[in-house]
Amino acid sequence: MLLTPEALTETAPDIFQARFETNKGEFVIEVHRAWSPKGADRFYNLVSNGYYDNVRFFRVIAGFMAQFGVHGSPEVSAAWADRRIEDDPVVQSNTRGFVTYAMGGANTRTTQIFINFGDNSRLDEMGFSPFGQVVEGMEVVDQIYSGYGDTQPRGTGPYPPSIHTRGNEYLDEEFPNVDFVTRATIVEG
């Protein structure tokens, strides 16, 4: 299913939780569809179909955020690269524990998300629309390895095009300390 993104279009429940098991422990994101409907629907479909399983936290900037969401398989990553979703209005603020999509301009959200470590409300006016919030395990998120910092060329962390073309093989070889999601699932009521 992950190679056919056009088939993953289910509408998310109004409120749901996603449990992320990582090599550091577990955290839970509670999603409110009303906050960011298109973002919530995409996230629900990705988690429901195992997209985030074995995905690396490739951009972690202490005091700012932890970003992940490039699939470890180059084939799956390529299938989702141009599957953009339109922006949602910003109705929640990018403060500690809130989760939003990374983007490179208007209407460019795909699969990459980040968890805010602190008050990043300056991102609100830039259109970063939180769709969820970490409600359990923020202390686990705080422990995610940040030693590589920002991605290249801004920092010394992984080079994003290499993540897309070589996947986890590249990250495991060149950046062995990156932390990772082992499994992500929708929490059933």
N, C-alpha and C. Protein backbone atom coordinates (compact mmCIF):
# COMPACT_ATOMS: atom_id res chain seq x y z
N MET A 1 0.82 -1.21 0.00
CA MET A 1 0.00 0.00 0.00
C MET A 1 0.85 1.27 0.00
N LEU A 2 2.02 1.23 0.62
CA LEU A 2 2.83 2.44 0.72
C LEU A 2 3.37 2.90 -0.64
N LEU A 3 3.38 2.02 -1.62
CA LEU A 3 3.84 2.41 -2.96
C LEU A 3 2.71 2.99 -3.80
N THR A 4 1.50 3.00 -3.26
CA THR A 4 0.36 3.57 -3.97
C THR A 4 -0.33 4.62 -3.10
N PRO A 5 0.30 5.77 -2.94
CA PRO A 5 -0.25 6.81 -2.06
C PRO A 5 -1.67 7.23 -2.42
N GLU A 6 -2.01 7.16 -3.70
CA GLU A 6 -3.34 7.60 -4.12
C GLU A 6 -4.44 6.73 -3.51
N ALA A 7 -4.10 5.55 -3.02
CA ALA A 7 -5.09 4.67 -2.40
C ALA A 7 -5.30 4.97 -0.92
N LEU A 8 -4.44 5.79 -0.33
CA LEU A 8 -4.51 6.05 1.11
C LEU A 8 -5.16 7.41 1.37
N THR A 9 -6.48 7.42 1.32
CA THR A 9 -7.21 8.68 1.43
C THR A 9 -8.35 8.62 2.45
N GLU A 10 -8.25 7.74 3.41
CA GLU A 10 -9.30 7.61 4.41
C GLU A 10 -9.39 8.88 5.26
N THR A 11 -10.60 9.24 5.63
CA THR A 11 -10.81 10.38 6.53
C THR A 11 -10.53 9.94 7.95
N ALA A 12 -9.75 10.74 8.65
CA ALA A 12 -9.38 10.42 10.03
C ALA A 12 -10.56 10.63 10.98
N PRO A 13 -10.55 9.92 12.11
CA PRO A 13 -11.54 10.22 13.16
C PRO A 13 -11.35 11.65 13.66
N ASP A 14 -12.36 12.20 14.31
CA ASP A 14 -12.27 13.57 14.81
C ASP A 14 -11.11 13.74 15.78
N ILE A 15 -10.93 12.76 16.65
CA ILE A 15 -9.81 12.74 17.61
C ILE A 15 -9.29 11.31 17.66
N PHE A 16 -7.98 11.15 17.57
CA PHE A 16 -7.39 9.82 17.70
C PHE A 16 -5.97 9.95 18.24
N GLN A 17 -5.42 8.84 18.67
CA GLN A 17 -4.06 8.83 19.18
C GLN A 17 -3.19 7.86 18.37
N ALA A 18 -1.93 8.22 18.24
CA ALA A 18 -0.95 7.38 17.57
C ALA A 18 0.20 7.13 18.55
N ARG A 19 0.52 5.84 18.76
CA ARG A 19 1.61 5.46 19.66
C ARG A 19 2.86 5.21 18.83
N PHE A 20 3.95 5.88 19.22
CA PHE A 20 5.24 5.72 18.57
C PHE A 20 6.18 4.99 19.51
N GLU A 21 6.58 3.79 19.10
CA GLU A 21 7.59 3.04 19.84
C GLU A 21 8.93 3.39 19.20
N THR A 22 9.88 3.82 20.02
CA THR A 22 11.19 4.21 19.50
C THR A 22 12.28 3.46 20.26
N ASN A 23 13.50 3.61 19.80
CA ASN A 23 14.62 2.99 20.52
C ASN A 23 14.89 3.68 21.86
N LYS A 24 14.26 4.81 22.13
CA LYS A 24 14.40 5.53 23.41
C LYS A 24 13.22 5.30 24.35
N GLY A 25 12.13 4.75 23.84
CA GLY A 25 10.91 4.58 24.62
C GLY A 25 9.71 4.94 23.76
N GLU A 26 8.57 5.15 24.39
CA GLU A 26 7.34 5.41 23.66
C GLU A 26 6.82 6.83 23.92
N PHE A 27 6.13 7.35 22.90
CA PHE A 27 5.37 8.58 23.08
C PHE A 27 4.07 8.46 22.31
N VAL A 28 3.08 9.24 22.72
CA VAL A 28 1.76 9.20 22.10
C VAL A 28 1.40 10.60 21.61
N ILE A 29 0.95 10.67 20.37
CA ILE A 29 0.47 11.92 19.78
C ILE A 29 -1.05 11.84 19.70
N GLU A 30 -1.71 12.85 20.27
CA GLU A 30 -3.16 12.95 20.12
C GLU A 30 -3.45 13.95 19.01
N VAL A 31 -4.23 13.50 18.05
CA VAL A 31 -4.54 14.31 16.87
C VAL A 31 -5.98 14.79 16.95
N HIS A 32 -6.17 16.07 16.64
CA HIS A 32 -7.49 16.68 16.57
C HIS A 32 -7.71 17.13 15.13
N ARG A 33 -8.58 16.44 14.45
CA ARG A 33 -8.80 16.73 13.03
C ARG A 33 -9.23 18.18 12.81
N ALA A 34 -9.96 18.75 13.76
CA ALA A 34 -10.43 20.13 13.63
C ALA A 34 -9.28 21.13 13.56
N TRP A 35 -8.13 20.76 14.12
CA TRP A 35 -6.98 21.67 14.11
C TRP A 35 -6.37 21.79 12.72
N SER A 36 -6.36 20.69 11.97
CA SER A 36 -5.67 20.66 10.68
C SER A 36 -6.20 19.44 9.91
N PRO A 37 -7.38 19.56 9.28
CA PRO A 37 -8.04 18.40 8.69
C PRO A 37 -7.23 17.64 7.65
N LYS A 38 -6.64 18.35 6.72
CA LYS A 38 -5.85 17.68 5.68
C LYS A 38 -4.61 17.02 6.28
N GLY A 39 -3.97 17.71 7.22
CA GLY A 39 -2.80 17.15 7.89
C GLY A 39 -3.16 15.93 8.73
N ALA A 40 -4.28 15.98 9.43
CA ALA A 40 -4.71 14.85 10.25
C ALA A 40 -5.04 13.64 9.39
N ASP A 41 -5.74 13.87 8.28
CA ASP A 41 -6.08 12.76 7.38
C ASP A 41 -4.82 12.10 6.83
N ARG A 42 -3.85 12.89 6.38
CA ARG A 42 -2.61 12.32 5.85
C ARG A 42 -1.89 11.51 6.93
N PHE A 43 -1.76 12.08 8.12
CA PHE A 43 -1.07 11.41 9.22
C PHE A 43 -1.76 10.10 9.57
N TYR A 44 -3.08 10.11 9.64
CA TYR A 44 -3.85 8.91 9.96
C TYR A 44 -3.56 7.80 8.95
N ASN A 45 -3.57 8.13 7.69
CA ASN A 45 -3.31 7.14 6.64
C ASN A 45 -1.88 6.63 6.70
N LEU A 46 -0.93 7.51 6.96
CA LEU A 46 0.47 7.09 7.04
C LEU A 46 0.69 6.14 8.22
N VAL A 47 0.20 6.51 9.39
CA VAL A 47 0.39 5.66 10.57
C VAL A 47 -0.36 4.34 10.40
N SER A 48 -1.60 4.39 9.92
CA SER A 48 -2.41 3.18 9.76
C SER A 48 -1.77 2.16 8.83
N ASN A 49 -0.95 2.62 7.92
CA ASN A 49 -0.35 1.74 6.93
C ASN A 49 1.14 1.49 7.15
N GLY A 50 1.64 1.84 8.34
CA GLY A 50 3.00 1.50 8.71
C GLY A 50 4.09 2.37 8.12
N TYR A 51 3.73 3.54 7.62
CA TYR A 51 4.72 4.40 6.97
C TYR A 51 5.88 4.76 7.91
N TYR A 52 5.58 5.08 9.15
CA TYR A 52 6.62 5.58 10.06
C TYR A 52 7.44 4.47 10.74
N ASP A 53 7.10 3.22 10.49
CA ASP A 53 7.88 2.12 11.07
C ASP A 53 9.31 2.15 10.54
N ASN A 54 10.26 2.10 11.45
CA ASN A 54 11.70 2.07 11.11
C ASN A 54 12.19 3.36 10.44
N VAL A 55 11.53 4.47 10.73
CA VAL A 55 11.92 5.77 10.18
C VAL A 55 12.82 6.48 11.19
N ARG A 56 13.80 7.21 10.70
CA ARG A 56 14.81 7.87 11.53
C ARG A 56 14.46 9.34 11.84
N PHE A 57 14.89 9.80 13.02
CA PHE A 57 14.83 11.22 13.39
C PHE A 57 16.10 11.85 12.81
N PHE A 58 16.01 12.39 11.61
CA PHE A 58 17.21 12.82 10.88
C PHE A 58 17.60 14.27 11.11
N ARG A 59 16.70 15.06 11.67
CA ARG A 59 16.99 16.48 11.92
C ARG A 59 16.48 16.84 13.31
N VAL A 60 17.39 16.92 14.26
CA VAL A 60 17.01 17.19 15.64
C VAL A 60 17.86 18.35 16.13
N ILE A 61 17.20 19.45 16.40
CA ILE A 61 17.89 20.66 16.83
C ILE A 61 17.47 20.96 18.26
N ALA A 62 18.41 20.84 19.19
CA ALA A 62 18.13 21.04 20.61
C ALA A 62 17.43 22.37 20.83
N GLY A 63 16.37 22.35 21.63
CA GLY A 63 15.62 23.55 21.94
C GLY A 63 14.65 23.98 20.86
N PHE A 64 14.69 23.33 19.70
CA PHE A 64 13.83 23.72 18.58
C PHE A 64 12.84 22.60 18.24
N MET A 65 13.33 21.52 17.62
CA MET A 65 12.41 20.46 17.22
C MET A 65 13.14 19.19 16.81
N ALA A 66 12.34 18.09 16.72
CA ALA A 66 12.81 16.79 16.24
C ALA A 66 11.99 16.44 15.00
N GLN A 67 12.67 16.27 13.87
CA GLN A 67 12.00 16.03 12.60
C GLN A 67 12.26 14.62 12.09
N PHE A 68 11.22 14.01 11.53
CA PHE A 68 11.32 12.69 10.93
C PHE A 68 10.24 12.55 9.86
N GLY A 69 10.31 11.47 9.09
CA GLY A 69 9.25 11.24 8.10
C GLY A 69 9.72 10.95 6.70
N VAL A 70 11.03 10.87 6.46
CA VAL A 70 11.51 10.36 5.18
C VAL A 70 11.59 8.85 5.35
N HIS A 71 10.90 8.12 4.52
CA HIS A 71 10.85 6.67 4.67
C HIS A 71 12.23 6.05 4.44
N GLY A 72 12.51 4.97 5.15
CA GLY A 72 13.79 4.29 5.04
C GLY A 72 14.03 3.58 3.73
N SER A 73 12.96 3.32 2.99
CA SER A 73 13.07 2.69 1.67
C SER A 73 13.04 3.77 0.60
N PRO A 74 14.08 3.87 -0.24
CA PRO A 74 14.07 4.89 -1.29
C PRO A 74 12.87 4.79 -2.23
N GLU A 75 12.37 3.57 -2.47
CA GLU A 75 11.21 3.41 -3.35
C GLU A 75 9.96 4.02 -2.73
N VAL A 76 9.75 3.77 -1.45
CA VAL A 76 8.59 4.34 -0.78
C VAL A 76 8.74 5.86 -0.67
N SER A 77 9.93 6.31 -0.34
CA SER A 77 10.19 7.75 -0.25
C SER A 77 9.86 8.44 -1.58
N ALA A 78 10.29 7.83 -2.69
CA ALA A 78 10.04 8.41 -4.02
C ALA A 78 8.54 8.44 -4.33
N ALA A 79 7.81 7.42 -3.91
CA ALA A 79 6.37 7.37 -4.19
C ALA A 79 5.62 8.52 -3.52
N TRP A 80 6.13 9.00 -2.38
CA TRP A 80 5.46 10.06 -1.63
C TRP A 80 6.05 11.45 -1.85
N ALA A 81 7.16 11.54 -2.55
CA ALA A 81 7.89 12.81 -2.67
C ALA A 81 7.05 13.96 -3.21
N ASP A 82 6.18 13.68 -4.16
CA ASP A 82 5.37 14.74 -4.77
C ASP A 82 3.91 14.67 -4.36
N ARG A 83 3.59 13.93 -3.33
CA ARG A 83 2.21 13.78 -2.85
C ARG A 83 1.91 14.86 -1.83
N ARG A 84 1.86 16.08 -2.31
CA ARG A 84 1.66 17.23 -1.42
C ARG A 84 0.21 17.40 -1.04
N ILE A 85 0.01 17.94 0.14
CA ILE A 85 -1.34 18.30 0.58
C ILE A 85 -1.39 19.80 0.77
N GLU A 86 -2.59 20.33 0.55
CA GLU A 86 -2.78 21.77 0.71
C GLU A 86 -2.63 22.17 2.17
N ASP A 87 -2.29 23.41 2.37
CA ASP A 87 -2.15 23.95 3.72
C ASP A 87 -3.50 23.99 4.43
N ASP A 88 -3.45 23.87 5.73
CA ASP A 88 -4.60 24.08 6.61
C ASP A 88 -4.38 25.39 7.34
N PRO A 89 -5.46 26.10 7.71
CA PRO A 89 -5.28 27.29 8.54
C PRO A 89 -4.63 26.92 9.87
N VAL A 90 -3.87 27.84 10.42
CA VAL A 90 -3.23 27.61 11.71
C VAL A 90 -4.21 27.99 12.81
N VAL A 91 -4.64 26.98 13.60
CA VAL A 91 -5.57 27.24 14.70
C VAL A 91 -4.97 26.89 16.06
N GLN A 92 -3.84 26.18 16.07
CA GLN A 92 -3.09 25.91 17.29
C GLN A 92 -1.70 26.50 17.11
N SER A 93 -0.99 26.69 18.20
CA SER A 93 0.33 27.30 18.12
C SER A 93 1.43 26.24 18.22
N ASN A 94 2.55 26.51 17.58
CA ASN A 94 3.72 25.64 17.62
C ASN A 94 4.47 25.84 18.93
N THR A 95 3.89 25.29 19.99
CA THR A 95 4.53 25.36 21.29
C THR A 95 4.96 23.95 21.70
N ARG A 96 5.57 23.82 22.84
CA ARG A 96 6.15 22.55 23.29
C ARG A 96 5.18 21.38 23.14
N GLY A 97 5.64 20.34 22.47
CA GLY A 97 4.88 19.11 22.31
C GLY A 97 3.94 19.07 21.13
N PHE A 98 3.71 20.22 20.50
CA PHE A 98 2.81 20.22 19.34
C PHE A 98 3.54 19.70 18.11
N VAL A 99 2.77 19.03 17.25
CA VAL A 99 3.32 18.33 16.09
C VAL A 99 2.76 18.94 14.82
N THR A 100 3.64 19.19 13.86
CA THR A 100 3.24 19.80 12.60
C THR A 100 4.06 19.22 11.46
N TYR A 101 3.65 19.49 10.24
CA TYR A 101 4.40 19.05 9.06
C TYR A 101 5.52 20.02 8.74
N ALA A 102 6.63 19.46 8.30
CA ALA A 102 7.68 20.29 7.72
C ALA A 102 7.20 20.69 6.33
N MET A 103 7.65 21.82 5.86
CA MET A 103 7.26 22.26 4.52
C MET A 103 8.29 23.24 3.98
N GLY A 104 8.29 23.36 2.68
CA GLY A 104 9.23 24.25 2.02
C GLY A 104 8.52 25.39 1.31
N GLY A 105 7.40 25.83 1.84
CA GLY A 105 6.60 26.87 1.21
C GLY A 105 5.14 26.45 1.23
N ALA A 106 4.31 27.26 0.61
CA ALA A 106 2.87 27.00 0.60
C ALA A 106 2.54 25.68 -0.09
N ASN A 107 1.64 24.93 0.52
CA ASN A 107 1.09 23.70 -0.05
C ASN A 107 2.15 22.66 -0.43
N THR A 108 3.16 22.48 0.43
CA THR A 108 4.24 21.53 0.14
C THR A 108 4.35 20.42 1.19
N ARG A 109 3.37 20.26 2.05
CA ARG A 109 3.44 19.22 3.08
C ARG A 109 3.32 17.84 2.43
N THR A 110 4.15 16.89 2.89
CA THR A 110 4.07 15.52 2.36
C THR A 110 3.99 14.53 3.51
N THR A 111 5.15 14.06 4.01
CA THR A 111 5.19 13.03 5.06
C THR A 111 6.05 13.42 6.25
N GLN A 112 6.88 14.44 6.09
CA GLN A 112 7.80 14.81 7.17
C GLN A 112 7.09 15.65 8.22
N ILE A 113 7.28 15.26 9.47
CA ILE A 113 6.67 15.98 10.57
C ILE A 113 7.73 16.32 11.60
N PHE A 114 7.40 17.24 12.49
CA PHE A 114 8.32 17.53 13.59
C PHE A 114 7.55 17.81 14.85
N ILE A 115 8.24 17.55 15.96
CA ILE A 115 7.71 17.79 17.30
C ILE A 115 8.47 18.98 17.87
N ASN A 116 7.73 19.99 18.30
CA ASN A 116 8.35 21.19 18.88
C ASN A 116 8.87 20.90 20.28
N PHE A 117 10.14 21.28 20.53
CA PHE A 117 10.73 21.14 21.86
C PHE A 117 10.35 22.31 22.77
N GLY A 118 10.10 23.46 22.19
CA GLY A 118 9.82 24.66 22.99
C GLY A 118 8.79 25.53 22.31
N ASP A 119 8.80 26.81 22.66
CA ASP A 119 7.86 27.77 22.09
C ASP A 119 8.38 28.22 20.73
N ASN A 120 7.81 27.66 19.68
CA ASN A 120 8.16 28.03 18.31
C ASN A 120 6.98 28.74 17.64
N SER A 121 6.26 29.53 18.42
CA SER A 121 5.06 30.18 17.90
C SER A 121 5.36 31.11 16.72
N ARG A 122 6.62 31.47 16.53
CA ARG A 122 6.97 32.29 15.36
C ARG A 122 6.66 31.55 14.06
N LEU A 123 6.56 30.20 14.13
CA LEU A 123 6.24 29.41 12.95
C LEU A 123 4.77 29.52 12.55
N ASP A 124 3.93 29.98 13.48
CA ASP A 124 2.50 30.07 13.20
C ASP A 124 2.22 30.98 12.01
N GLU A 125 2.82 32.16 12.02
CA GLU A 125 2.57 33.12 10.94
C GLU A 125 3.17 32.68 9.61
N MET A 126 4.05 31.65 9.65
CA MET A 126 4.63 31.10 8.43
C MET A 126 3.78 29.97 7.86
N GLY A 127 2.66 29.65 8.53
CA GLY A 127 1.73 28.66 8.00
C GLY A 127 1.91 27.24 8.50
N PHE A 128 2.78 27.02 9.48
CA PHE A 128 2.97 25.68 10.04
C PHE A 128 1.78 25.38 10.96
N SER A 129 0.92 24.47 10.54
CA SER A 129 -0.34 24.21 11.22
C SER A 129 -0.27 22.92 12.04
N PRO A 130 -0.14 23.01 13.37
CA PRO A 130 -0.12 21.80 14.19
C PRO A 130 -1.40 20.99 14.04
N PHE A 131 -1.23 19.67 13.97
CA PHE A 131 -2.38 18.77 13.87
C PHE A 131 -2.52 17.89 15.10
N GLY A 132 -1.49 17.88 15.95
CA GLY A 132 -1.53 17.03 17.12
C GLY A 132 -0.60 17.52 18.20
N GLN A 133 -0.62 16.79 19.31
CA GLN A 133 0.20 17.15 20.47
C GLN A 133 0.64 15.87 21.17
N VAL A 134 1.89 15.85 21.60
CA VAL A 134 2.38 14.73 22.39
C VAL A 134 1.70 14.81 23.76
N VAL A 135 0.94 13.76 24.09
CA VAL A 135 0.20 13.75 25.36
C VAL A 135 0.79 12.74 26.35
N GLU A 136 1.69 11.89 25.90
CA GLU A 136 2.43 10.97 26.77
C GLU A 136 3.83 10.82 26.20
N GLY A 137 4.82 10.81 27.08
CA GLY A 137 6.17 10.50 26.66
C GLY A 137 7.00 11.65 26.12
N MET A 138 6.64 12.89 26.46
CA MET A 138 7.46 14.01 25.98
C MET A 138 8.88 13.90 26.51
N GLU A 139 9.05 13.26 27.67
CA GLU A 139 10.40 13.06 28.21
C GLU A 139 11.22 12.13 27.30
N VAL A 140 10.54 11.25 26.57
CA VAL A 140 11.22 10.38 25.59
C VAL A 140 11.66 11.22 24.39
N VAL A 141 10.76 12.07 23.92
CA VAL A 141 11.08 12.96 22.79
C VAL A 141 12.29 13.83 23.15
N ASP A 142 12.34 14.31 24.38
CA ASP A 142 13.45 15.16 24.83
C ASP A 142 14.80 14.44 24.76
N GLN A 143 14.79 13.12 24.79
CA GLN A 143 16.03 12.34 24.78
C GLN A 143 16.52 11.98 23.37
N ILE A 144 15.75 12.32 22.34
CA ILE A 144 16.15 11.97 20.97
C ILE A 144 17.48 12.65 20.65
N TYR A 145 18.39 11.88 20.07
CA TYR A 145 19.75 12.35 19.82
C TYR A 145 19.76 13.60 18.94
N SER A 146 20.42 14.66 19.45
CA SER A 146 20.49 15.93 18.72
C SER A 146 21.93 16.31 18.36
N GLY A 147 22.85 15.38 18.52
CA GLY A 147 24.27 15.69 18.31
C GLY A 147 24.65 16.07 16.89
N TYR A 148 23.87 15.64 15.91
CA TYR A 148 24.19 16.00 14.51
C TYR A 148 23.60 17.35 14.13
N GLY A 149 22.59 17.80 14.86
CA GLY A 149 22.00 19.12 14.60
C GLY A 149 21.25 19.21 13.30
N ASP A 150 21.33 20.37 12.69
CA ASP A 150 20.59 20.65 11.46
C ASP A 150 21.18 19.86 10.28
N THR A 151 20.35 19.69 9.27
CA THR A 151 20.80 18.99 8.06
C THR A 151 21.75 19.86 7.25
N GLN A 152 22.50 19.22 6.38
CA GLN A 152 23.41 19.94 5.47
C GLN A 152 22.59 20.65 4.40
N PRO A 153 22.96 21.80 3.93
CA PRO A 153 24.21 22.50 4.18
C PRO A 153 24.18 23.44 5.37
N ARG A 154 23.03 23.61 6.05
CA ARG A 154 22.96 24.53 7.20
C ARG A 154 23.75 24.02 8.39
N GLY A 155 23.80 22.68 8.54
CA GLY A 155 24.49 22.09 9.68
C GLY A 155 25.35 20.92 9.25
N THR A 156 25.70 20.08 10.20
CA THR A 156 26.57 18.94 9.91
C THR A 156 25.82 17.62 9.92
N GLY A 157 24.49 17.69 9.99
CA GLY A 157 23.67 16.49 10.00
C GLY A 157 23.54 15.88 8.62
N PRO A 158 22.64 14.93 8.48
CA PRO A 158 22.46 14.24 7.20
C PRO A 158 22.11 15.19 6.05
N TYR A 159 22.45 14.74 4.85
CA TYR A 159 22.17 15.49 3.62
C TYR A 159 20.84 14.96 3.06
N PRO A 160 19.77 15.76 3.08
CA PRO A 160 18.44 15.26 2.71
C PRO A 160 18.36 14.50 1.38
N PRO A 161 18.99 14.98 0.29
CA PRO A 161 18.90 14.19 -0.95
C PRO A 161 19.45 12.76 -0.80
N SER A 162 20.47 12.59 0.03
CA SER A 162 21.02 11.25 0.25
C SER A 162 20.06 10.38 1.06
N ILE A 163 19.30 11.00 1.95
CA ILE A 163 18.30 10.22 2.70
C ILE A 163 17.26 9.69 1.72
N HIS A 164 16.84 10.54 0.80
CA HIS A 164 15.81 10.13 -0.16
C HIS A 164 16.32 9.05 -1.11
N THR A 165 17.56 9.15 -1.55
CA THR A 165 18.06 8.18 -2.54
C THR A 165 18.61 6.91 -1.94
N ARG A 166 19.12 6.98 -0.69
CA ARG A 166 19.74 5.79 -0.08
C ARG A 166 19.01 5.31 1.17
N GLY A 167 18.11 6.12 1.70
CA GLY A 167 17.29 5.71 2.83
C GLY A 167 18.07 5.42 4.10
N ASN A 168 17.58 4.43 4.84
CA ASN A 168 18.19 4.08 6.13
C ASN A 168 19.62 3.59 5.98
N GLU A 169 19.95 3.02 4.84
CA GLU A 169 21.33 2.55 4.62
C GLU A 169 22.31 3.71 4.79
N TYR A 170 21.99 4.85 4.19
CA TYR A 170 22.83 6.04 4.30
C TYR A 170 22.92 6.51 5.75
N LEU A 171 21.76 6.62 6.41
CA LEU A 171 21.76 7.13 7.78
C LEU A 171 22.50 6.18 8.72
N ASP A 172 22.30 4.89 8.56
CA ASP A 172 22.96 3.92 9.43
C ASP A 172 24.48 3.95 9.25
N GLU A 173 24.94 4.14 8.02
CA GLU A 173 26.38 4.17 7.75
C GLU A 173 27.03 5.47 8.18
N GLU A 174 26.42 6.58 7.82
CA GLU A 174 27.04 7.89 8.02
C GLU A 174 26.66 8.58 9.34
N PHE A 175 25.50 8.24 9.88
CA PHE A 175 24.99 8.91 11.09
C PHE A 175 24.43 7.86 12.05
N PRO A 176 25.31 7.01 12.58
CA PRO A 176 24.85 5.85 13.36
C PRO A 176 24.15 6.18 14.68
N ASN A 177 24.26 7.41 15.14
CA ASN A 177 23.63 7.75 16.41
C ASN A 177 22.20 8.25 16.29
N VAL A 178 21.68 8.39 15.06
CA VAL A 178 20.30 8.88 14.94
C VAL A 178 19.36 7.90 15.61
N ASP A 179 18.38 8.43 16.30
CA ASP A 179 17.36 7.60 16.93
C ASP A 179 16.27 7.31 15.90
N PHE A 180 15.39 6.36 16.23
CA PHE A 180 14.43 5.92 15.23
C PHE A 180 13.15 5.40 15.84
N VAL A 181 12.11 5.44 15.03
CA VAL A 181 10.82 4.85 15.36
C VAL A 181 10.93 3.37 15.00
N THR A 182 10.56 2.50 15.92
CA THR A 182 10.51 1.08 15.56
C THR A 182 9.15 0.73 15.00
N ARG A 183 8.10 1.34 15.58
CA ARG A 183 6.74 1.03 15.14
C ARG A 183 5.81 2.17 15.55
N ALA A 184 4.87 2.51 14.66
CA ALA A 184 3.85 3.50 14.98
C ALA A 184 2.49 2.89 14.67
N THR A 185 1.55 3.03 15.59
CA THR A 185 0.23 2.45 15.44
C THR A 185 -0.85 3.41 15.92
N ILE A 186 -2.03 3.25 15.36
CA ILE A 186 -3.18 3.98 15.85
C ILE A 186 -3.64 3.26 17.13
N VAL A 187 -3.86 4.03 18.18
CA VAL A 187 -4.32 3.46 19.46
C VAL A 187 -5.82 3.26 19.35
N GLU A 188 -6.23 2.01 19.50
CA GLU A 188 -7.66 1.70 19.42
C GLU A 188 -8.30 2.02 20.76
N GLY A 189 -9.51 2.64 20.70
CA GLY A 189 -10.23 3.05 21.89
C GLY A 189 -10.41 1.96 22.87
